[in-house]
Amino acid sequence: MNKEEVAMIGFEVVAFAGEARSKLMDALNEAEKGQFEVADRLVEEAHSSLMEAHKSQTQMLAAEASGESIEVGFIMVHAQDHLMTTMLLKDTIKHLFNIYKK
């Protein structure tokens, strides 16, 4: 897998993770207003976007695991960072929702 192919996967990961992050932030805003049904729906939508990001990432992981040489550039590093921070936000939101419910 060449650097350009890895970059394209990186762009996919950034796009899906970015969509998930936006939905999670919207969910947090809805929860803050007490709109937990809307917030929960947005978290589920974000989860779907994260799963798509993970599928894109898995393409590259599978290629490397099968022995293919992977040229990783800064775009993929950024994509990984974006994905991991969004996953952390998703995990943290559950706790924030509990605080807002009190």
PDB file of N, CA and C in Angstrom:
ATOM      1  N   MET A   1       0.859  -1.170   0.000  1.00  0.00           N
ATOM      2  CA  MET A   1       0.000   0.000   0.000  1.00  0.00           C
ATOM      3  C   MET A   1       0.906   1.234   0.000  1.00  0.00           C
ATOM      4  N   ASN A   2       0.740   2.077  -1.001  1.00  0.00           N
ATOM      5  CA  ASN A   2       1.611   3.237  -1.096  1.00  0.00           C
ATOM      6  C   ASN A   2       1.088   4.392  -0.231  1.00  0.00           C
ATOM      7  N   LYS A   3       1.879   5.431  -0.169  1.00  0.00           N
ATOM      8  CA  LYS A   3       1.570   6.567   0.702  1.00  0.00           C
ATOM      9  C   LYS A   3       0.247   7.242   0.328  1.00  0.00           C
ATOM     10  N   GLU A   4      -0.044   7.316  -0.962  1.00  0.00           N
ATOM     11  CA  GLU A   4      -1.289   7.940  -1.414  1.00  0.00           C
ATOM     12  C   GLU A   4      -2.509   7.120  -0.988  1.00  0.00           C
ATOM     13  N   GLU A   5      -2.409   5.803  -1.090  1.00  0.00           N
ATOM     14  CA  GLU A   5      -3.515   4.935  -0.668  1.00  0.00           C
ATOM     15  C   GLU A   5      -3.743   5.051   0.840  1.00  0.00           C
ATOM     16  N   VAL A   6      -2.655   5.102   1.581  1.00  0.00           N
ATOM     17  CA  VAL A   6      -2.759   5.265   3.037  1.00  0.00           C
ATOM     18  C   VAL A   6      -3.369   6.631   3.359  1.00  0.00           C
ATOM     19  N   ALA A   7      -2.979   7.653   2.619  1.00  0.00           N
ATOM     20  CA  ALA A   7      -3.535   8.994   2.841  1.00  0.00           C
ATOM     21  C   ALA A   7      -5.036   9.003   2.583  1.00  0.00           C
ATOM     22  N   MET A   8      -5.481   8.310   1.553  1.00  0.00           N
ATOM     23  CA  MET A   8      -6.923   8.256   1.260  1.00  0.00           C
ATOM     24  C   MET A   8      -7.684   7.572   2.401  1.00  0.00           C
ATOM     25  N   ILE A   9      -7.116   6.520   2.941  1.00  0.00           N
ATOM     26  CA  ILE A   9      -7.736   5.869   4.100  1.00  0.00           C
ATOM     27  C   ILE A   9      -7.737   6.845   5.274  1.00  0.00           C
ATOM     28  N   GLY A  10      -6.645   7.569   5.429  1.00  0.00           N
ATOM     29  CA  GLY A  10      -6.574   8.567   6.490  1.00  0.00           C
ATOM     30  C   GLY A  10      -7.672   9.611   6.361  1.00  0.00           C
ATOM     31  N   PHE A  11      -7.922  10.081   5.142  1.00  0.00           N
ATOM     32  CA  PHE A  11      -8.987  11.059   4.919  1.00  0.00           C
ATOM     33  C   PHE A  11     -10.354  10.471   5.278  1.00  0.00           C
ATOM     34  N   GLU A  12     -10.574   9.192   4.941  1.00  0.00           N
ATOM     35  CA  GLU A  12     -11.834   8.532   5.307  1.00  0.00           C
ATOM     36  C   GLU A  12     -11.989   8.486   6.822  1.00  0.00           C
ATOM     37  N   VAL A  13     -10.933   8.104   7.513  1.00  0.00           N
ATOM     38  CA  VAL A  13     -10.972   8.015   8.970  1.00  0.00           C
ATOM     39  C   VAL A  13     -11.271   9.388   9.569  1.00  0.00           C
ATOM     40  N   VAL A  14     -10.598  10.424   9.075  1.00  0.00           N
ATOM     41  CA  VAL A  14     -10.830  11.783   9.579  1.00  0.00           C
ATOM     42  C   VAL A  14     -12.281  12.201   9.333  1.00  0.00           C
ATOM     43  N   ALA A  15     -12.804  11.908   8.138  1.00  0.00           N
ATOM     44  CA  ALA A  15     -14.176  12.304   7.816  1.00  0.00           C
ATOM     45  C   ALA A  15     -15.187  11.618   8.733  1.00  0.00           C
ATOM     46  N   PHE A  16     -15.062  10.313   8.890  1.00  0.00           N
ATOM     47  CA  PHE A  16     -16.002   9.585   9.742  1.00  0.00           C
ATOM     48  C   PHE A  16     -15.847   9.972  11.214  1.00  0.00           C
ATOM     49  N   ALA A  17     -14.611  10.093  11.667  1.00  0.00           N
ATOM     50  CA  ALA A  17     -14.379  10.481  13.062  1.00  0.00           C
ATOM     51  C   ALA A  17     -14.864  11.908  13.314  1.00  0.00           C
ATOM     52  N   GLY A  18     -14.672  12.785  12.333  1.00  0.00           N
ATOM     53  CA  GLY A  18     -15.145  14.160  12.469  1.00  0.00           C
ATOM     54  C   GLY A  18     -16.654  14.225  12.548  1.00  0.00           C
ATOM     55  N   GLU A  19     -17.315  13.431  11.724  1.00  0.00           N
ATOM     56  CA  GLU A  19     -18.776  13.365  11.774  1.00  0.00           C
ATOM     57  C   GLU A  19     -19.230  12.856  13.143  1.00  0.00           C
ATOM     58  N   ALA A  20     -18.563  11.839  13.639  1.00  0.00           N
ATOM     59  CA  ALA A  20     -18.901  11.289  14.959  1.00  0.00           C
ATOM     60  C   ALA A  20     -18.683  12.330  16.050  1.00  0.00           C
ATOM     61  N   ARG A  21     -17.578  13.042  15.973  1.00  0.00           N
ATOM     62  CA  ARG A  21     -17.289  14.060  16.990  1.00  0.00           C
ATOM     63  C   ARG A  21     -18.362  15.142  16.996  1.00  0.00           C
ATOM     64  N   SER A  22     -18.771  15.586  15.821  1.00  0.00           N
ATOM     65  CA  SER A  22     -19.820  16.603  15.737  1.00  0.00           C
ATOM     66  C   SER A  22     -21.114  16.104  16.365  1.00  0.00           C
ATOM     67  N   LYS A  23     -21.477  14.869  16.076  1.00  0.00           N
ATOM     68  CA  LYS A  23     -22.701  14.296  16.651  1.00  0.00           C
ATOM     69  C   LYS A  23     -22.577  14.159  18.169  1.00  0.00           C
ATOM     70  N   LEU A  24     -21.407  13.789  18.643  1.00  0.00           N
ATOM     71  CA  LEU A  24     -21.207  13.662  20.084  1.00  0.00           C
ATOM     72  C   LEU A  24     -21.291  15.017  20.779  1.00  0.00           C
ATOM     73  N   MET A  25     -20.740  16.034  20.169  1.00  0.00           N
ATOM     74  CA  MET A  25     -20.840  17.369  20.765  1.00  0.00           C
ATOM     75  C   MET A  25     -22.284  17.859  20.751  1.00  0.00           C
ATOM     76  N   ASP A  26     -23.014  17.571  19.669  1.00  0.00           N
ATOM     77  CA  ASP A  26     -24.441  17.908  19.632  1.00  0.00           C
ATOM     78  C   ASP A  26     -25.190  17.145  20.716  1.00  0.00           C
ATOM     79  N   ALA A  27     -24.839  15.885  20.902  1.00  0.00           N
ATOM     80  CA  ALA A  27     -25.471  15.069  21.944  1.00  0.00           C
ATOM     81  C   ALA A  27     -25.215  15.665  23.319  1.00  0.00           C
ATOM     82  N   LEU A  28     -24.005  16.100  23.539  1.00  0.00           N
ATOM     83  CA  LEU A  28     -23.656  16.708  24.826  1.00  0.00           C
ATOM     84  C   LEU A  28     -24.481  17.972  25.060  1.00  0.00           C
ATOM     85  N   ASN A  29     -24.640  18.779  24.035  1.00  0.00           N
ATOM     86  CA  ASN A  29     -25.459  19.987  24.150  1.00  0.00           C
ATOM     87  C   ASN A  29     -26.918  19.652  24.441  1.00  0.00           C
ATOM     88  N   GLU A  30     -27.439  18.612  23.801  1.00  0.00           N
ATOM     89  CA  GLU A  30     -28.825  18.188  24.049  1.00  0.00           C
ATOM     90  C   GLU A  30     -28.986  17.651  25.472  1.00  0.00           C
ATOM     91  N   ALA A  31     -28.026  16.892  25.933  1.00  0.00           N
ATOM     92  CA  ALA A  31     -28.086  16.357  27.294  1.00  0.00           C
ATOM     93  C   ALA A  31     -28.052  17.490  28.315  1.00  0.00           C
ATOM     94  N   GLU A  32     -27.257  18.488  28.030  1.00  0.00           N
ATOM     95  CA  GLU A  32     -27.159  19.645  28.922  1.00  0.00           C
ATOM     96  C   GLU A  32     -28.521  20.336  29.071  1.00  0.00           C
ATOM     97  N   LYS A  33     -29.327  20.277  28.002  1.00  0.00           N
ATOM     98  CA  LYS A  33     -30.665  20.872  28.015  1.00  0.00           C
ATOM     99  C   LYS A  33     -31.718  19.902  28.549  1.00  0.00           C
ATOM    100  N   GLY A  34     -31.283  18.687  28.900  1.00  0.00           N
ATOM    101  CA  GLY A  34     -32.217  17.690  29.419  1.00  0.00           C
ATOM    102  C   GLY A  34     -32.907  16.877  28.345  1.00  0.00           C
ATOM    103  N   GLN A  35     -32.467  16.984  27.107  1.00  0.00           N
ATOM    104  CA  GLN A  35     -33.068  16.260  25.976  1.00  0.00           C
ATOM    105  C   GLN A  35     -32.326  14.935  25.758  1.00  0.00           C
ATOM    106  N   PHE A  36     -32.529  14.008  26.703  1.00  0.00           N
ATOM    107  CA  PHE A  36     -31.732  12.778  26.700  1.00  0.00           C
ATOM    108  C   PHE A  36     -32.089  11.805  25.580  1.00  0.00           C
ATOM    109  N   GLU A  37     -33.344  11.810  25.144  1.00  0.00           N
ATOM    110  CA  GLU A  37     -33.705  10.924  24.029  1.00  0.00           C
ATOM    111  C   GLU A  37     -32.984  11.359  22.756  1.00  0.00           C
ATOM    112  N   VAL A  38     -32.967  12.651  22.502  1.00  0.00           N
ATOM    113  CA  VAL A  38     -32.252  13.180  21.334  1.00  0.00           C
ATOM    114  C   VAL A  38     -30.762  12.911  21.486  1.00  0.00           C
ATOM    115  N   ALA A  39     -30.253  13.154  22.684  1.00  0.00           N
ATOM    116  CA  ALA A  39     -28.824  12.937  22.950  1.00  0.00           C
ATOM    117  C   ALA A  39     -28.437  11.481  22.714  1.00  0.00           C
ATOM    118  N   ASP A  40     -29.235  10.557  23.204  1.00  0.00           N
ATOM    119  CA  ASP A  40     -28.941   9.133  23.010  1.00  0.00           C
ATOM    120  C   ASP A  40     -28.963   8.752  21.535  1.00  0.00           C
ATOM    121  N   ARG A  41     -29.916   9.306  20.781  1.00  0.00           N
ATOM    122  CA  ARG A  41     -29.985   9.025  19.345  1.00  0.00           C
ATOM    123  C   ARG A  41     -28.723   9.534  18.645  1.00  0.00           C
ATOM    124  N   LEU A  42     -28.266  10.717  19.023  1.00  0.00           N
ATOM    125  CA  LEU A  42     -27.048  11.273  18.426  1.00  0.00           C
ATOM    126  C   LEU A  42     -25.817  10.437  18.768  1.00  0.00           C
ATOM    127  N   VAL A  43     -25.774   9.913  19.971  1.00  0.00           N
ATOM    128  CA  VAL A  43     -24.651   9.038  20.354  1.00  0.00           C
ATOM    129  C   VAL A  43     -24.667   7.767  19.502  1.00  0.00           C
ATOM    130  N   GLU A  44     -25.852   7.228  19.248  1.00  0.00           N
ATOM    131  CA  GLU A  44     -25.939   6.032  18.402  1.00  0.00           C
ATOM    132  C   GLU A  44     -25.487   6.342  16.970  1.00  0.00           C
ATOM    133  N   GLU A  45     -25.883   7.511  16.464  1.00  0.00           N
ATOM    134  CA  GLU A  45     -25.434   7.913  15.126  1.00  0.00           C
ATOM    135  C   GLU A  45     -23.918   8.079  15.101  1.00  0.00           C
ATOM    136  N   ALA A  46     -23.376   8.663  16.151  1.00  0.00           N
ATOM    137  CA  ALA A  46     -21.921   8.825  16.250  1.00  0.00           C
ATOM    138  C   ALA A  46     -21.236   7.462  16.274  1.00  0.00           C
ATOM    139  N   HIS A  47     -21.838   6.529  16.988  1.00  0.00           N
ATOM    140  CA  HIS A  47     -21.271   5.176  17.058  1.00  0.00           C
ATOM    141  C   HIS A  47     -21.184   4.567  15.651  1.00  0.00           C
ATOM    142  N   SER A  48     -22.230   4.764  14.860  1.00  0.00           N
ATOM    143  CA  SER A  48     -22.214   4.242  13.486  1.00  0.00           C
ATOM    144  C   SER A  48     -21.077   4.859  12.672  1.00  0.00           C
ATOM    145  N   SER A  49     -20.875   6.162  12.830  1.00  0.00           N
ATOM    146  CA  SER A  49     -19.772   6.827  12.127  1.00  0.00           C
ATOM    147  C   SER A  49     -18.421   6.295  12.595  1.00  0.00           C
ATOM    148  N   LEU A  50     -18.289   6.056  13.888  1.00  0.00           N
ATOM    149  CA  LEU A  50     -17.036   5.501  14.417  1.00  0.00           C
ATOM    150  C   LEU A  50     -16.780   4.102  13.872  1.00  0.00           C
ATOM    151  N   MET A  51     -17.832   3.325  13.698  1.00  0.00           N
ATOM    152  CA  MET A  51     -17.671   1.988  13.138  1.00  0.00           C
ATOM    153  C   MET A  51     -17.176   2.078  11.688  1.00  0.00           C
ATOM    154  N   GLU A  52     -17.668   3.059  10.939  1.00  0.00           N
ATOM    155  CA  GLU A  52     -17.193   3.258   9.564  1.00  0.00           C
ATOM    156  C   GLU A  52     -15.717   3.667   9.560  1.00  0.00           C
ATOM    157  N   ALA A  53     -15.347   4.545  10.487  1.00  0.00           N
ATOM    158  CA  ALA A  53     -13.935   4.945  10.597  1.00  0.00           C
ATOM    159  C   ALA A  53     -13.073   3.727  10.910  1.00  0.00           C
ATOM    160  N   HIS A  54     -13.566   2.890  11.798  1.00  0.00           N
ATOM    161  CA  HIS A  54     -12.816   1.697  12.182  1.00  0.00           C
ATOM    162  C   HIS A  54     -12.678   0.736  11.001  1.00  0.00           C
ATOM    163  N   LYS A  55     -13.727   0.615  10.184  1.00  0.00           N
ATOM    164  CA  LYS A  55     -13.643  -0.240   8.994  1.00  0.00           C
ATOM    165  C   LYS A  55     -12.550   0.250   8.050  1.00  0.00           C
ATOM    166  N   SER A  56     -12.498   1.571   7.861  1.00  0.00           N
ATOM    167  CA  SER A  56     -11.462   2.138   6.998  1.00  0.00           C
ATOM    168  C   SER A  56     -10.081   1.837   7.552  1.00  0.00           C
ATOM    169  N   GLN A  57      -9.926   2.028   8.848  1.00  0.00           N
ATOM    170  CA  GLN A  57      -8.650   1.776   9.514  1.00  0.00           C
ATOM    171  C   GLN A  57      -8.262   0.299   9.384  1.00  0.00           C
ATOM    172  N   THR A  58      -9.229  -0.575   9.497  1.00  0.00           N
ATOM    173  CA  THR A  58      -8.983  -2.011   9.464  1.00  0.00           C
ATOM    174  C   THR A  58      -8.443  -2.456   8.105  1.00  0.00           C
ATOM    175  N   GLN A  59      -8.821  -1.765   7.026  1.00  0.00           N
ATOM    176  CA  GLN A  59      -8.264  -2.084   5.696  1.00  0.00           C
ATOM    177  C   GLN A  59      -6.741  -2.031   5.737  1.00  0.00           C
ATOM    178  N   MET A  60      -6.240  -0.966   6.324  1.00  0.00           N
ATOM    179  CA  MET A  60      -4.796  -0.775   6.382  1.00  0.00           C
ATOM    180  C   MET A  60      -4.152  -1.780   7.338  1.00  0.00           C
ATOM    181  N   LEU A  61      -4.775  -2.000   8.457  1.00  0.00           N
ATOM    182  CA  LEU A  61      -4.233  -2.955   9.428  1.00  0.00           C
ATOM    183  C   LEU A  61      -4.164  -4.356   8.836  1.00  0.00           C
ATOM    184  N   ALA A  62      -5.204  -4.738   8.103  1.00  0.00           N
ATOM    185  CA  ALA A  62      -5.226  -6.065   7.486  1.00  0.00           C
ATOM    186  C   ALA A  62      -4.129  -6.196   6.434  1.00  0.00           C
ATOM    187  N   ALA A  63      -3.923  -5.130   5.654  1.00  0.00           N
ATOM    188  CA  ALA A  63      -2.875  -5.164   4.635  1.00  0.00           C
ATOM    189  C   ALA A  63      -1.508  -5.332   5.273  1.00  0.00           C
ATOM    190  N   GLU A  64      -1.265  -4.588   6.338  1.00  0.00           N
ATOM    191  CA  GLU A  64       0.033  -4.706   7.005  1.00  0.00           C
ATOM    192  C   GLU A  64       0.195  -6.075   7.661  1.00  0.00           C
ATOM    193  N   ALA A  65      -0.870  -6.578   8.255  1.00  0.00           N
ATOM    194  CA  ALA A  65      -0.812  -7.893   8.911  1.00  0.00           C
ATOM    195  C   ALA A  65      -0.528  -9.006   7.905  1.00  0.00           C
ATOM    196  N   SER A  66      -0.938  -8.799   6.654  1.00  0.00           N
ATOM    197  CA  SER A  66      -0.687  -9.812   5.630  1.00  0.00           C
ATOM    198  C   SER A  66       0.693  -9.667   4.984  1.00  0.00           C
ATOM    199  N   GLY A  67       1.492  -8.735   5.518  1.00  0.00           N
ATOM    200  CA  GLY A  67       2.861  -8.607   5.066  1.00  0.00           C
ATOM    201  C   GLY A  67       3.114  -7.468   4.103  1.00  0.00           C
ATOM    202  N   GLU A  68       2.066  -6.720   3.764  1.00  0.00           N
ATOM    203  CA  GLU A  68       2.238  -5.604   2.844  1.00  0.00           C
ATOM    204  C   GLU A  68       2.957  -4.449   3.541  1.00  0.00           C
ATOM    205  N   SER A  69       3.840  -3.796   2.814  1.00  0.00           N
ATOM    206  CA  SER A  69       4.553  -2.646   3.352  1.00  0.00           C
ATOM    207  C   SER A  69       3.625  -1.429   3.336  1.00  0.00           C
ATOM    208  N   ILE A  70       3.571  -0.712   4.441  1.00  0.00           N
ATOM    209  CA  ILE A  70       2.686   0.449   4.578  1.00  0.00           C
ATOM    210  C   ILE A  70       3.540   1.694   4.804  1.00  0.00           C
ATOM    211  N   GLU A  71       3.320   2.709   3.964  1.00  0.00           N
ATOM    212  CA  GLU A  71       3.996   3.992   4.134  1.00  0.00           C
ATOM    213  C   GLU A  71       3.044   4.935   4.861  1.00  0.00           C
ATOM    214  N   VAL A  72       3.318   5.199   6.117  1.00  0.00           N
ATOM    215  CA  VAL A  72       2.453   6.045   6.913  1.00  0.00           C
ATOM    216  C   VAL A  72       2.976   7.474   6.897  1.00  0.00           C
ATOM    217  N   GLY A  73       2.074   8.392   6.556  1.00  0.00           N
ATOM    218  CA  GLY A  73       2.413   9.810   6.553  1.00  0.00           C
ATOM    219  C   GLY A  73       1.655  10.541   7.648  1.00  0.00           C
ATOM    220  N   PHE A  74       1.835  11.836   7.673  1.00  0.00           N
ATOM    221  CA  PHE A  74       1.228  12.648   8.722  1.00  0.00           C
ATOM    222  C   PHE A  74      -0.301  12.617   8.666  1.00  0.00           C
ATOM    223  N   ILE A  75      -0.881  12.454   7.481  1.00  0.00           N
ATOM    224  CA  ILE A  75      -2.345  12.395   7.376  1.00  0.00           C
ATOM    225  C   ILE A  75      -2.877  11.216   8.187  1.00  0.00           C
ATOM    226  N   MET A  76      -2.216  10.075   8.081  1.00  0.00           N
ATOM    227  CA  MET A  76      -2.681   8.913   8.847  1.00  0.00           C
ATOM    228  C   MET A  76      -2.442   9.114  10.334  1.00  0.00           C
ATOM    229  N   VAL A  77      -1.351   9.737  10.687  1.00  0.00           N
ATOM    230  CA  VAL A  77      -1.105  10.033  12.108  1.00  0.00           C
ATOM    231  C   VAL A  77      -2.217  10.928  12.635  1.00  0.00           C
ATOM    232  N   HIS A  78      -2.580  11.945  11.869  1.00  0.00           N
ATOM    233  CA  HIS A  78      -3.671  12.844  12.252  1.00  0.00           C
ATOM    234  C   HIS A  78      -4.990  12.075  12.360  1.00  0.00           C
ATOM    235  N   ALA A  79      -5.226  11.190  11.415  1.00  0.00           N
ATOM    236  CA  ALA A  79      -6.458  10.395  11.426  1.00  0.00           C
ATOM    237  C   ALA A  79      -6.549   9.541  12.683  1.00  0.00           C
ATOM    238  N   GLN A  80      -5.455   8.911  13.046  1.00  0.00           N
ATOM    239  CA  GLN A  80      -5.439   8.080  14.252  1.00  0.00           C
ATOM    240  C   GLN A  80      -5.714   8.927  15.496  1.00  0.00           C
ATOM    241  N   ASP A  81      -5.103  10.091  15.553  1.00  0.00           N
ATOM    242  CA  ASP A  81      -5.311  11.004  16.669  1.00  0.00           C
ATOM    243  C   ASP A  81      -6.773  11.415  16.748  1.00  0.00           C
ATOM    244  N   HIS A  82      -7.332  11.779  15.606  1.00  0.00           N
ATOM    245  CA  HIS A  82      -8.727  12.216  15.542  1.00  0.00           C
ATOM    246  C   HIS A  82      -9.663  11.086  15.987  1.00  0.00           C
ATOM    247  N   LEU A  83      -9.396   9.888  15.509  1.00  0.00           N
ATOM    248  CA  LEU A  83     -10.239   8.740  15.848  1.00  0.00           C
ATOM    249  C   LEU A  83     -10.160   8.425  17.341  1.00  0.00           C
ATOM    250  N   MET A  84      -8.976   8.384  17.878  1.00  0.00           N
ATOM    251  CA  MET A  84      -8.824   8.013  19.289  1.00  0.00           C
ATOM    252  C   MET A  84      -9.431   9.055  20.233  1.00  0.00           C
ATOM    253  N   THR A  85      -9.271  10.340  19.926  1.00  0.00           N
ATOM    254  CA  THR A  85      -9.855  11.358  20.808  1.00  0.00           C
ATOM    255  C   THR A  85     -11.375  11.329  20.716  1.00  0.00           C
ATOM    256  N   THR A  86     -11.911  11.017  19.544  1.00  0.00           N
ATOM    257  CA  THR A  86     -13.363  10.918  19.404  1.00  0.00           C
ATOM    258  C   THR A  86     -13.893   9.699  20.150  1.00  0.00           C
ATOM    259  N   MET A  87     -13.162   8.608  20.112  1.00  0.00           N
ATOM    260  CA  MET A  87     -13.574   7.419  20.869  1.00  0.00           C
ATOM    261  C   MET A  87     -13.557   7.708  22.374  1.00  0.00           C
ATOM    262  N   LEU A  88     -12.562   8.453  22.816  1.00  0.00           N
ATOM    263  CA  LEU A  88     -12.497   8.838  24.222  1.00  0.00           C
ATOM    264  C   LEU A  88     -13.680   9.727  24.583  1.00  0.00           C
ATOM    265  N   LEU A  89     -14.033  10.657  23.705  1.00  0.00           N
ATOM    266  CA  LEU A  89     -15.187  11.516  23.946  1.00  0.00           C
ATOM    267  C   LEU A  89     -16.451  10.679  24.071  1.00  0.00           C
ATOM    268  N   LYS A  90     -16.608   9.692  23.204  1.00  0.00           N
ATOM    269  CA  LYS A  90     -17.796   8.823  23.265  1.00  0.00           C
ATOM    270  C   LYS A  90     -17.854   8.102  24.603  1.00  0.00           C
ATOM    271  N   ASP A  91     -16.736   7.605  25.076  1.00  0.00           N
ATOM    272  CA  ASP A  91     -16.707   6.915  26.370  1.00  0.00           C
ATOM    273  C   ASP A  91     -17.002   7.869  27.522  1.00  0.00           C
ATOM    274  N   THR A  92     -16.517   9.081  27.428  1.00  0.00           N
ATOM    275  CA  THR A  92     -16.688  10.070  28.495  1.00  0.00           C
ATOM    276  C   THR A  92     -18.116  10.602  28.561  1.00  0.00           C
ATOM    277  N   ILE A  93     -18.768  10.678  27.416  1.00  0.00           N
ATOM    278  CA  ILE A  93     -20.121  11.245  27.357  1.00  0.00           C
ATOM    279  C   ILE A  93     -21.094  10.493  28.264  1.00  0.00           C
ATOM    280  N   LYS A  94     -20.960   9.202  28.372  1.00  0.00           N
ATOM    281  CA  LYS A  94     -21.856   8.430  29.249  1.00  0.00           C
ATOM    282  C   LYS A  94     -21.806   8.973  30.677  1.00  0.00           C
ATOM    283  N   HIS A  95     -20.621   9.293  31.134  1.00  0.00           N
ATOM    284  CA  HIS A  95     -20.459   9.815  32.488  1.00  0.00           C
ATOM    285  C   HIS A  95     -21.020  11.228  32.604  1.00  0.00           C
ATOM    286  N   LEU A  96     -20.817  12.025  31.569  1.00  0.00           N
ATOM    287  CA  LEU A  96     -21.351  13.379  31.585  1.00  0.00           C
ATOM    288  C   LEU A  96     -22.884  13.355  31.575  1.00  0.00           C
ATOM    289  N   PHE A  97     -23.474  12.452  30.823  1.00  0.00           N
ATOM    290  CA  PHE A  97     -24.934  12.321  30.820  1.00  0.00           C
ATOM    291  C   PHE A  97     -25.448  12.024  32.223  1.00  0.00           C
ATOM    292  N   ASN A  98     -24.754  11.144  32.935  1.00  0.00           N
ATOM    293  CA  ASN A  98     -25.171  10.817  34.307  1.00  0.00           C
ATOM    294  C   ASN A  98     -25.110  12.042  35.209  1.00  0.00           C
ATOM    295  N   ILE A  99     -24.123  12.874  35.014  1.00  0.00           N
ATOM    296  CA  ILE A  99     -24.014  14.108  35.814  1.00  0.00           C
ATOM    297  C   ILE A  99     -25.181  15.033  35.490  1.00  0.00           C
ATOM    298  N   TYR A 100     -25.509  15.186  34.198  1.00  0.00           N
ATOM    299  CA  TYR A 100     -26.600  16.062  33.800  1.00  0.00           C
ATOM    300  C   TYR A 100     -27.952  15.551  34.286  1.00  0.00           C
ATOM    301  N   LYS A 101     -28.084  14.236  34.450  1.00  0.00           N
ATOM    302  CA  LYS A 101     -29.358  13.667  34.906  1.00  0.00           C
ATOM    303  C   LYS A 101     -29.621  13.906  36.377  1.00  0.00           C
ATOM    304  N   LYS A 102     -28.604  14.294  37.140  1.00  0.00           N
ATOM    305  CA  LYS A 102     -28.769  14.501  38.588  1.00  0.00           C
ATOM    306  C   LYS A 102     -29.404  15.824  38.892  1.00  0.00           C
TER     307      LYS A 102
END
